[in-house]
């Protein structure tokens, strides 16, 4: 396997730096590398744009976070928690199928109908009157915060002046601007104002929570059966989202790979060296992101997560054994991929059959003259002696072209290049 990979890598480097078996100059190599980097950058940019087409699970189920937050909190159902829940959706642009912007309409997928009721209720709560009410509550909170800070400052001054008074120090020598007798009434006035503001906030919050739309919204979030249904659909969307992304990215790359492959094949047959070289570079550049995205999907995608979870469950939570198995499985999968490429893609017999039919060198694909035994480009001998009739027959073929003898019966006759 190692020798095959090494030979494959050498062929890749040679094909990427030679035109009709002649090495190109260093300046041309630098230009090709710069072009490769530019194309690769734009390919990845296109892949990222393609990955944004499917709606994310959060966009498909915009109500799931509200359900999850409500159901997971231990204080759900209390007045403070309900108030915070209602306030959190006021003055928020809540997305729904009927209010999708143009950018979302051009994307794949739609907002789930499971969130329609929550979306409708949120719009009923998110009125101009309630927005003003929430703004007023925020202003009251700001005032309370300012009064608390002022009271804390006054309290420190009061403690200091009180100690000075007990010690019998003259007020003229005090570091505080106000005496203890002057500070105490201000603290009491601030505390009274804070109590008034808190009462006002409580009245406004009660008004918000007791509205029919708010009560129905909270009741909806408290429905465990609704939450389980949305949670199940959300988990399913989470599983399929990376699969959709990989499918779209593959669909984006495959036409580019096919085009580069056919151009390279046609250019090689017509001895168009420059076109063949450039198309080969493009073919490699288009394949690199596909392999990267595939291995990203295998390593970080949900399919591997399901495998890990299943193995962990079977092994009773012994994660280190799961790691051992994955370390074994991934190399085996890589070995299987290499064997597949060796048998079906880079099989010398498959290449030889096509090249012999087109009167080309079995080794380098150079155009041969009829009857040429050696390639004038690379010097490769095209024939071997048949062990049965002792006539010259093509290398890397299954049967002798003269007597039909099975060449596989002759050991090492058709060894790899």
Foldseek 3Di string as FASTA:
>chain_A
DVVVVVVVVVVLVQLQQDFLSHGDDPVVSVVLVVVLVVVLVVLVVVLVVLLPQADALCQQEVCLVLLCVQVVDPCRPDLVVLLVSLLVLAPDPRDAQVPDDPVNVRGPDHHDPLCVLLSVLSVVLRDPVNNVLSVVLVVLVVLLVVLVVVLVVLVVVLVQLVVCVVVVHDPVPDPDPDHNVVSVVSNVVSVVSNVVSVVVSVVSSCVSCPDPSSVVSSVCSVDVVSSVVSVVVSVVSLQCSLVSSLVSSCVVLVVQLVVLVVQLVVCLLVSVRVSNNSSSSSNVSSVVVNVVSVVCCCVPHVVVVVVQVVVCVVVVNPNVVSVVVVVVVVVVVVVVVSVCCCVPPVPLLVQQVVLVVSCAASPRRHHDDPPDQADPSPRDGQWDADPPPRDTAGASYQARPPPRHGSVVPPPRRDPD
